[in-house]
Amino acid sequence: MITAPRVKQNIKRVPEGYLVTVNDSDQNSKLIINLAVQIARTIFTLAILSQLISILGRLQIIDLFVVRLFVVIITIALLGLLWGWSKSIYASIDQILVNLSFSAPELIFTNYPVSLGEETSILFRRRLRSGKTIRESGMVNAIVTCEECVTYDSGDSSESATENVFMQRLPEILVPAYESAIEVIFKVKIPVTSPASFEAKNNQIKWTLEVALDFPKLLKETSKFNFQIQPQIFPQTASII
């Protein structure tokens, strides 16, 4: 039997099948640190610019018109920076609140790893915490992709190239309101002509399932899972003597 090289992933056996989770065990801590850095950067920038404008206003050698023009230019640039930073801060806060309201997204395969040419059922699930329910319906979209990533030497440095080998957009699924979890089942057929998962020093073939959630006033996010595809397994036949 030919086996595919092992691909790093979070997977464990559960009563329903094989559970695959996102490879990020400390996402909230990273979000909080990033949020603190963004807020500190904003406050520091505002303090520096206010001091600079105050100094310019006290200088007698600079024409008042030049000072006013400089203040206008700085204000416009600052508003642009603050707009971009405020969107980033809002996105971080929103993601933290989502993670506090929902458990981590997960996939459950009926069989694993999946073989080339095989059809399998995949359950995507994200539960609400503390017995809450989803008050509005939403849509779930998913895409299966296979990418080949190659790293090669180019002079004194190394470069990488990625080629999309296979992509399949799965049917959109409606999740009704007043459910305690977002749960959908995808039917996936892996083409027998596609390459199996592979991981070497300078060459990787990665299979991923990307799930996008679109729930108005609740959450809009995308989760990306790696999973393993092995070569086609042929049943062994008894030899006749």
C-alpha atoms as a PDB file:
ATOM      1  CA  MET A   1       0.000   0.000   0.000  1.00  0.00           C
ATOM      2  CA  ILE A   2       1.295   3.504  -0.863  1.00  0.00           C
ATOM      3  CA  THR A   3       0.914   6.073   1.907  1.00  0.00           C
ATOM      4  CA  ALA A   4       1.131   9.831   1.648  1.00  0.00           C
ATOM      5  CA  PRO A   5       3.673  11.775   3.733  1.00  0.00           C
ATOM      6  CA  ARG A   6       2.207  13.018   7.011  1.00  0.00           C
ATOM      7  CA  VAL A   7       0.821  16.567   7.013  1.00  0.00           C
ATOM      8  CA  LYS A   8       0.948  18.586  10.263  1.00  0.00           C
ATOM      9  CA  GLN A   9      -2.543  19.210  11.620  1.00  0.00           C
ATOM     10  CA  ASN A  10      -4.740  19.053  14.725  1.00  0.00           C
ATOM     11  CA  ILE A  11      -6.817  15.882  14.481  1.00  0.00           C
ATOM     12  CA  LYS A  12      -8.279  13.450  16.963  1.00  0.00           C
ATOM     13  CA  ARG A  13     -10.771  10.598  17.033  1.00  0.00           C
ATOM     14  CA  VAL A  14     -14.239  11.485  18.394  1.00  0.00           C
ATOM     15  CA  PRO A  15     -17.473   9.432  18.536  1.00  0.00           C
ATOM     16  CA  GLU A  16     -18.785  11.199  15.411  1.00  0.00           C
ATOM     17  CA  GLY A  17     -15.666  10.575  13.334  1.00  0.00           C
ATOM     18  CA  TYR A  18     -12.382  12.464  12.996  1.00  0.00           C
ATOM     19  CA  LEU A  19     -12.160  16.006  14.373  1.00  0.00           C
ATOM     20  CA  VAL A  20      -9.937  18.552  12.601  1.00  0.00           C
ATOM     21  CA  THR A  21      -9.457  21.971  14.194  1.00  0.00           C
ATOM     22  CA  VAL A  22      -7.812  25.237  13.162  1.00  0.00           C
ATOM     23  CA  ASN A  23      -4.091  25.375  14.008  1.00  0.00           C
ATOM     24  CA  ASP A  24      -4.330  28.411  16.304  1.00  0.00           C
ATOM     25  CA  SER A  25      -4.609  27.618  19.995  1.00  0.00           C
ATOM     26  CA  ASP A  26      -4.125  31.149  21.376  1.00  0.00           C
ATOM     27  CA  GLN A  27      -5.974  33.425  18.981  1.00  0.00           C
ATOM     28  CA  ASN A  28      -7.579  35.635  21.649  1.00  0.00           C
ATOM     29  CA  SER A  29      -4.222  36.469  23.239  1.00  0.00           C
ATOM     30  CA  LYS A  30      -2.817  37.465  19.852  1.00  0.00           C
ATOM     31  CA  LEU A  31      -5.866  39.630  19.146  1.00  0.00           C
ATOM     32  CA  ILE A  32      -5.624  41.383  22.524  1.00  0.00           C
ATOM     33  CA  ILE A  33      -1.903  42.082  22.056  1.00  0.00           C
ATOM     34  CA  ASN A  34      -2.536  43.412  18.554  1.00  0.00           C
ATOM     35  CA  LEU A  35      -5.387  45.589  19.840  1.00  0.00           C
ATOM     36  CA  ALA A  36      -3.195  47.044  22.610  1.00  0.00           C
ATOM     37  CA  VAL A  37      -0.436  47.840  20.105  1.00  0.00           C
ATOM     38  CA  GLN A  38      -2.888  49.606  17.769  1.00  0.00           C
ATOM     39  CA  ILE A  39      -4.393  51.713  20.561  1.00  0.00           C
ATOM     40  CA  ALA A  40      -0.951  52.645  21.929  1.00  0.00           C
ATOM     41  CA  ARG A  41       0.225  53.604  18.436  1.00  0.00           C
ATOM     42  CA  THR A  42      -2.829  55.835  17.943  1.00  0.00           C
ATOM     43  CA  ILE A  43      -2.395  57.607  21.292  1.00  0.00           C
ATOM     44  CA  PHE A  44       1.346  58.102  20.722  1.00  0.00           C
ATOM     45  CA  THR A  45       0.782  59.563  17.237  1.00  0.00           C
ATOM     46  CA  LEU A  46      -1.875  61.979  18.516  1.00  0.00           C
ATOM     47  CA  ALA A  47       0.394  63.127  21.356  1.00  0.00           C
ATOM     48  CA  ILE A  48       3.375  63.752  19.058  1.00  0.00           C
ATOM     49  CA  LEU A  49       1.320  65.673  16.497  1.00  0.00           C
ATOM     50  CA  SER A  50      -0.401  67.823  19.123  1.00  0.00           C
ATOM     51  CA  GLN A  51       2.975  68.782  20.580  1.00  0.00           C
ATOM     52  CA  LEU A  52       4.342  69.568  17.109  1.00  0.00           C
ATOM     53  CA  ILE A  53       1.374  71.813  16.273  1.00  0.00           C
ATOM     54  CA  SER A  54       1.739  73.569  19.633  1.00  0.00           C
ATOM     55  CA  ILE A  55       5.435  74.254  19.001  1.00  0.00           C
ATOM     56  CA  LEU A  56       4.755  75.619  15.516  1.00  0.00           C
ATOM     57  CA  GLY A  57       2.095  77.929  16.896  1.00  0.00           C
ATOM     58  CA  ARG A  58       4.570  79.464  19.344  1.00  0.00           C
ATOM     59  CA  LEU A  59       7.260  80.145  16.761  1.00  0.00           C
ATOM     60  CA  GLN A  60       7.331  83.796  15.725  1.00  0.00           C
ATOM     61  CA  ILE A  61       9.584  83.341  12.694  1.00  0.00           C
ATOM     62  CA  ILE A  62       7.095  81.278  10.740  1.00  0.00           C
ATOM     63  CA  ASP A  63       4.318  83.013   8.856  1.00  0.00           C
ATOM     64  CA  LEU A  64       0.852  82.389  10.279  1.00  0.00           C
ATOM     65  CA  PHE A  65      -0.463  81.269   6.891  1.00  0.00           C
ATOM     66  CA  VAL A  66       2.261  78.623   6.640  1.00  0.00           C
ATOM     67  CA  VAL A  67       1.413  77.366  10.117  1.00  0.00           C
ATOM     68  CA  ARG A  68      -2.283  77.114   9.275  1.00  0.00           C
ATOM     69  CA  LEU A  69      -1.545  75.341   5.986  1.00  0.00           C
ATOM     70  CA  PHE A  70       0.739  72.885   7.754  1.00  0.00           C
ATOM     71  CA  VAL A  71      -1.922  72.203  10.402  1.00  0.00           C
ATOM     72  CA  VAL A  72      -4.554  71.553   7.717  1.00  0.00           C
ATOM     73  CA  ILE A  73      -2.263  69.096   5.870  1.00  0.00           C
ATOM     74  CA  ILE A  74      -1.341  67.307   9.088  1.00  0.00           C
ATOM     75  CA  THR A  75      -5.012  67.116  10.144  1.00  0.00           C
ATOM     76  CA  ILE A  76      -6.091  65.567   6.821  1.00  0.00           C
ATOM     77  CA  ALA A  77      -3.269  63.018   6.953  1.00  0.00           C
ATOM     78  CA  LEU A  78      -4.070  62.232  10.580  1.00  0.00           C
ATOM     79  CA  LEU A  79      -7.752  61.694   9.819  1.00  0.00           C
ATOM     80  CA  GLY A  80      -6.789  59.209   7.114  1.00  0.00           C
ATOM     81  CA  LEU A  81      -4.507  57.327   9.504  1.00  0.00           C
ATOM     82  CA  LEU A  82      -7.113  57.330  12.262  1.00  0.00           C
ATOM     83  CA  TRP A  83      -9.763  55.999   9.881  1.00  0.00           C
ATOM     84  CA  GLY A  84      -7.575  53.059   8.891  1.00  0.00           C
ATOM     85  CA  TRP A  85      -6.506  52.367  12.475  1.00  0.00           C
ATOM     86  CA  SER A  86     -10.067  52.639  13.796  1.00  0.00           C
ATOM     87  CA  LYS A  87     -11.248  50.007  11.297  1.00  0.00           C
ATOM     88  CA  SER A  88      -8.435  47.708  12.378  1.00  0.00           C
ATOM     89  CA  ILE A  89      -9.233  48.273  16.070  1.00  0.00           C
ATOM     90  CA  TYR A  90     -12.938  47.639  15.453  1.00  0.00           C
ATOM     91  CA  ALA A  91     -12.154  44.406  13.567  1.00  0.00           C
ATOM     92  CA  SER A  92      -9.965  43.160  16.431  1.00  0.00           C
ATOM     93  CA  ILE A  93     -12.610  43.966  19.064  1.00  0.00           C
ATOM     94  CA  ASP A  94     -15.338  42.345  16.948  1.00  0.00           C
ATOM     95  CA  GLN A  95     -13.264  39.165  16.512  1.00  0.00           C
ATOM     96  CA  ILE A  96     -12.572  38.976  20.261  1.00  0.00           C
ATOM     97  CA  LEU A  97     -16.317  39.284  21.002  1.00  0.00           C
ATOM     98  CA  VAL A  98     -17.086  36.571  18.422  1.00  0.00           C
ATOM     99  CA  ASN A  99     -14.527  34.232  19.995  1.00  0.00           C
ATOM    100  CA  LEU A 100     -16.028  34.866  23.425  1.00  0.00           C
ATOM    101  CA  SER A 101     -19.526  34.068  22.116  1.00  0.00           C
ATOM    102  CA  PHE A 102     -18.593  31.011  20.002  1.00  0.00           C
ATOM    103  CA  SER A 103     -16.460  27.955  20.540  1.00  0.00           C
ATOM    104  CA  ALA A 104     -13.659  27.288  18.055  1.00  0.00           C
ATOM    105  CA  PRO A 105     -14.713  26.224  14.531  1.00  0.00           C
ATOM    106  CA  GLU A 106     -14.237  22.533  13.780  1.00  0.00           C
ATOM    107  CA  LEU A 107     -14.586  19.949  11.027  1.00  0.00           C
ATOM    108  CA  ILE A 108     -15.624  16.331  11.544  1.00  0.00           C
ATOM    109  CA  PHE A 109     -14.844  13.785   8.797  1.00  0.00           C
ATOM    110  CA  THR A 110     -16.721  10.485   8.627  1.00  0.00           C
ATOM    111  CA  ASN A 111     -13.476   8.822   7.489  1.00  0.00           C
ATOM    112  CA  TYR A 112      -9.896  10.086   7.531  1.00  0.00           C
ATOM    113  CA  PRO A 113      -7.634  10.524   5.696  1.00  0.00           C
ATOM    114  CA  VAL A 114      -9.696  10.813   2.539  1.00  0.00           C
ATOM    115  CA  SER A 115      -8.540   8.864  -0.519  1.00  0.00           C
ATOM    116  CA  LEU A 116      -8.379  10.111  -4.092  1.00  0.00           C
ATOM    117  CA  GLY A 117     -11.599   9.290  -5.929  1.00  0.00           C
ATOM    118  CA  GLU A 118     -13.527   8.998  -2.654  1.00  0.00           C
ATOM    119  CA  GLU A 119     -16.681  10.864  -1.644  1.00  0.00           C
ATOM    120  CA  THR A 120     -16.921  11.886   2.000  1.00  0.00           C
ATOM    121  CA  SER A 121     -19.224  13.837   4.322  1.00  0.00           C
ATOM    122  CA  ILE A 122     -17.709  16.723   6.274  1.00  0.00           C
ATOM    123  CA  LEU A 123     -19.515  18.386   9.173  1.00  0.00           C
ATOM    124  CA  PHE A 124     -18.630  22.018   9.912  1.00  0.00           C
ATOM    125  CA  ARG A 125     -19.659  23.163  13.365  1.00  0.00           C
ATOM    126  CA  ARG A 126     -19.309  26.269  15.498  1.00  0.00           C
ATOM    127  CA  ARG A 127     -21.258  26.261  18.752  1.00  0.00           C
ATOM    128  CA  LEU A 128     -22.608  29.226  20.680  1.00  0.00           C
ATOM    129  CA  ARG A 129     -21.529  29.396  24.308  1.00  0.00           C
ATOM    130  CA  SER A 130     -23.796  29.607  27.404  1.00  0.00           C
ATOM    131  CA  GLY A 131     -26.891  28.189  25.717  1.00  0.00           C
ATOM    132  CA  LYS A 132     -27.421  31.181  23.421  1.00  0.00           C
ATOM    133  CA  THR A 133     -29.192  30.901  20.067  1.00  0.00           C
ATOM    134  CA  ILE A 134     -28.689  32.467  16.656  1.00  0.00           C
ATOM    135  CA  ARG A 135     -31.468  35.020  16.214  1.00  0.00           C
ATOM    136  CA  GLU A 136     -31.145  35.456  12.449  1.00  0.00           C
ATOM    137  CA  SER A 137     -30.576  33.035   9.624  1.00  0.00           C
ATOM    138  CA  GLY A 138     -27.330  33.101   7.669  1.00  0.00           C
ATOM    139  CA  MET A 139     -25.451  31.528   4.790  1.00  0.00           C
ATOM    140  CA  VAL A 140     -22.432  29.212   4.790  1.00  0.00           C
ATOM    141  CA  ASN A 141     -20.146  28.945   1.768  1.00  0.00           C
ATOM    142  CA  ALA A 142     -17.193  26.607   1.295  1.00  0.00           C
ATOM    143  CA  ILE A 143     -14.384  26.049  -1.204  1.00  0.00           C
ATOM    144  CA  VAL A 144     -12.129  22.986  -1.515  1.00  0.00           C
ATOM    145  CA  THR A 145      -8.697  23.775  -2.949  1.00  0.00           C
ATOM    146  CA  CYS A 146      -5.488  21.930  -3.697  1.00  0.00           C
ATOM    147  CA  GLU A 147      -2.305  24.004  -4.040  1.00  0.00           C
ATOM    148  CA  GLU A 148       1.237  23.055  -4.898  1.00  0.00           C
ATOM    149  CA  CYS A 149       3.887  25.231  -3.239  1.00  0.00           C
ATOM    150  CA  VAL A 150       7.441  25.074  -4.575  1.00  0.00           C
ATOM    151  CA  THR A 151      10.505  26.786  -3.086  1.00  0.00           C
ATOM    152  CA  TYR A 152      13.595  27.234  -5.256  1.00  0.00           C
ATOM    153  CA  ASP A 153      16.919  29.053  -5.072  1.00  0.00           C
ATOM    154  CA  SER A 154      17.298  32.280  -7.023  1.00  0.00           C
ATOM    155  CA  GLY A 155      20.831  33.577  -6.716  1.00  0.00           C
ATOM    156  CA  ASP A 156      21.571  34.379  -3.063  1.00  0.00           C
ATOM    157  CA  SER A 157      17.930  34.109  -1.964  1.00  0.00           C
ATOM    158  CA  SER A 158      15.086  31.640  -2.175  1.00  0.00           C
ATOM    159  CA  GLU A 159      11.714  32.277  -3.777  1.00  0.00           C
ATOM    160  CA  SER A 160       8.426  30.424  -3.663  1.00  0.00           C
ATOM    161  CA  ALA A 161       5.663  29.871  -6.190  1.00  0.00           C
ATOM    162  CA  THR A 162       2.136  28.558  -5.659  1.00  0.00           C
ATOM    163  CA  GLU A 163      -0.075  26.913  -8.261  1.00  0.00           C
ATOM    164  CA  ASN A 164      -3.754  26.201  -7.822  1.00  0.00           C
ATOM    165  CA  VAL A 165      -4.146  22.560  -8.885  1.00  0.00           C
ATOM    166  CA  PHE A 166      -7.825  22.040  -8.016  1.00  0.00           C
ATOM    167  CA  MET A 167     -10.691  24.186  -6.767  1.00  0.00           C
ATOM    168  CA  GLN A 168     -14.329  23.282  -6.132  1.00  0.00           C
ATOM    169  CA  ARG A 169     -16.965  25.668  -4.804  1.00  0.00           C
ATOM    170  CA  LEU A 170     -19.499  23.727  -2.731  1.00  0.00           C
ATOM    171  CA  PRO A 171     -23.251  24.533  -2.745  1.00  0.00           C
ATOM    172  CA  GLU A 172     -24.302  27.391  -0.480  1.00  0.00           C
ATOM    173  CA  ILE A 173     -26.184  26.271   2.656  1.00  0.00           C
ATOM    174  CA  LEU A 174     -28.784  28.232   4.650  1.00  0.00           C
ATOM    175  CA  VAL A 175     -28.681  27.954   8.447  1.00  0.00           C
ATOM    176  CA  PRO A 176     -32.082  28.841  10.007  1.00  0.00           C
ATOM    177  CA  ALA A 177     -32.513  31.173  12.961  1.00  0.00           C
ATOM    178  CA  TYR A 178     -32.861  30.117  16.609  1.00  0.00           C
ATOM    179  CA  GLU A 179     -30.259  27.368  16.423  1.00  0.00           C
ATOM    180  CA  SER A 180     -27.742  26.778  19.227  1.00  0.00           C
ATOM    181  CA  ALA A 181     -24.911  26.105  16.769  1.00  0.00           C
ATOM    182  CA  ILE A 182     -23.893  26.664  13.173  1.00  0.00           C
ATOM    183  CA  GLU A 183     -23.848  23.145  11.734  1.00  0.00           C
ATOM    184  CA  VAL A 184     -23.727  22.210   8.057  1.00  0.00           C
ATOM    185  CA  ILE A 185     -22.729  19.036   6.221  1.00  0.00           C
ATOM    186  CA  PHE A 186     -20.755  19.163   2.981  1.00  0.00           C
ATOM    187  CA  LYS A 187     -20.524  16.321   0.474  1.00  0.00           C
ATOM    188  CA  VAL A 188     -17.075  16.382  -1.119  1.00  0.00           C
ATOM    189  CA  LYS A 189     -15.877  14.238  -4.027  1.00  0.00           C
ATOM    190  CA  ILE A 190     -12.105  14.182  -4.469  1.00  0.00           C
ATOM    191  CA  PRO A 191     -11.125  13.657  -8.134  1.00  0.00           C
ATOM    192  CA  VAL A 192      -9.035  10.541  -8.674  1.00  0.00           C
ATOM    193  CA  THR A 193      -6.784  12.493 -11.064  1.00  0.00           C
ATOM    194  CA  SER A 194      -5.761  15.059  -8.417  1.00  0.00           C
ATOM    195  CA  PRO A 195      -2.467  14.802  -6.485  1.00  0.00           C
ATOM    196  CA  ALA A 196      -2.346  13.424  -2.949  1.00  0.00           C
ATOM    197  CA  SER A 197      -1.079  15.447   0.010  1.00  0.00           C
ATOM    198  CA  PHE A 198       2.687  15.768   0.067  1.00  0.00           C
ATOM    199  CA  GLU A 199       5.216  17.585   2.215  1.00  0.00           C
ATOM    200  CA  ALA A 200       8.943  17.830   1.525  1.00  0.00           C
ATOM    201  CA  LYS A 201      11.644  20.432   2.087  1.00  0.00           C
ATOM    202  CA  ASN A 202      11.029  22.421  -1.112  1.00  0.00           C
ATOM    203  CA  ASN A 203       7.705  21.041  -2.303  1.00  0.00           C
ATOM    204  CA  GLN A 204       4.275  20.824  -0.692  1.00  0.00           C
ATOM    205  CA  ILE A 205       0.847  19.810  -1.907  1.00  0.00           C
ATOM    206  CA  LYS A 206      -1.812  21.151   0.445  1.00  0.00           C
ATOM    207  CA  TRP A 207      -5.534  20.439   0.533  1.00  0.00           C
ATOM    208  CA  THR A 208      -7.720  22.980   2.332  1.00  0.00           C
ATOM    209  CA  LEU A 209     -11.382  23.575   3.052  1.00  0.00           C
ATOM    210  CA  GLU A 210     -12.257  27.260   3.443  1.00  0.00           C
ATOM    211  CA  VAL A 211     -15.610  27.938   5.133  1.00  0.00           C
ATOM    212  CA  ALA A 212     -17.141  31.448   5.021  1.00  0.00           C
ATOM    213  CA  LEU A 213     -19.936  32.448   7.423  1.00  0.00           C
ATOM    214  CA  ASP A 214     -22.292  35.310   6.594  1.00  0.00           C
ATOM    215  CA  PHE A 215     -24.733  36.038   9.432  1.00  0.00           C
ATOM    216  CA  PRO A 216     -26.116  39.609   9.490  1.00  0.00           C
ATOM    217  CA  LYS A 217     -25.491  41.500  12.759  1.00  0.00           C
ATOM    218  CA  LEU A 218     -23.715  38.426  14.203  1.00  0.00           C
ATOM    219  CA  LEU A 219     -20.531  37.467  12.403  1.00  0.00           C
ATOM    220  CA  LYS A 220     -18.814  37.466   9.036  1.00  0.00           C
ATOM    221  CA  GLU A 221     -15.665  35.375   9.050  1.00  0.00           C
ATOM    222  CA  THR A 222     -13.701  32.726   7.187  1.00  0.00           C
ATOM    223  CA  SER A 223     -12.080  29.612   8.665  1.00  0.00           C
ATOM    224  CA  LYS A 224      -9.420  27.683   6.780  1.00  0.00           C
ATOM    225  CA  PHE A 225      -8.694  24.012   7.540  1.00  0.00           C
ATOM    226  CA  ASN A 226      -5.906  21.791   6.227  1.00  0.00           C
ATOM    227  CA  PHE A 227      -6.764  18.132   5.673  1.00  0.00           C
ATOM    228  CA  GLN A 228      -4.967  15.131   4.243  1.00  0.00           C
ATOM    229  CA  ILE A 229      -5.646  13.315   0.988  1.00  0.00           C
ATOM    230  CA  GLN A 230      -3.975   9.953   0.454  1.00  0.00           C
ATOM    231  CA  PRO A 231      -3.457   8.034  -2.810  1.00  0.00           C
ATOM    232  CA  GLN A 232      -6.263   5.834  -4.063  1.00  0.00           C
ATOM    233  CA  ILE A 233      -6.442   2.559  -2.158  1.00  0.00           C
ATOM    234  CA  PHE A 234      -7.322  -0.517  -4.180  1.00  0.00           C
ATOM    235  CA  PRO A 235      -8.890  -3.505  -2.391  1.00  0.00           C
ATOM    236  CA  GLN A 236      -6.606  -6.471  -2.085  1.00  0.00           C
ATOM    237  CA  THR A 237      -7.726  -9.593  -3.901  1.00  0.00           C
ATOM    238  CA  ALA A 238      -6.926 -13.102  -2.763  1.00  0.00           C
ATOM    239  CA  SER A 239      -4.429 -14.880  -4.977  1.00  0.00           C
ATOM    240  CA  ILE A 240      -5.537 -18.089  -6.615  1.00  0.00           C
ATOM    241  CA  ILE A 241      -3.071 -20.947  -6.410  1.00  0.00           C
END
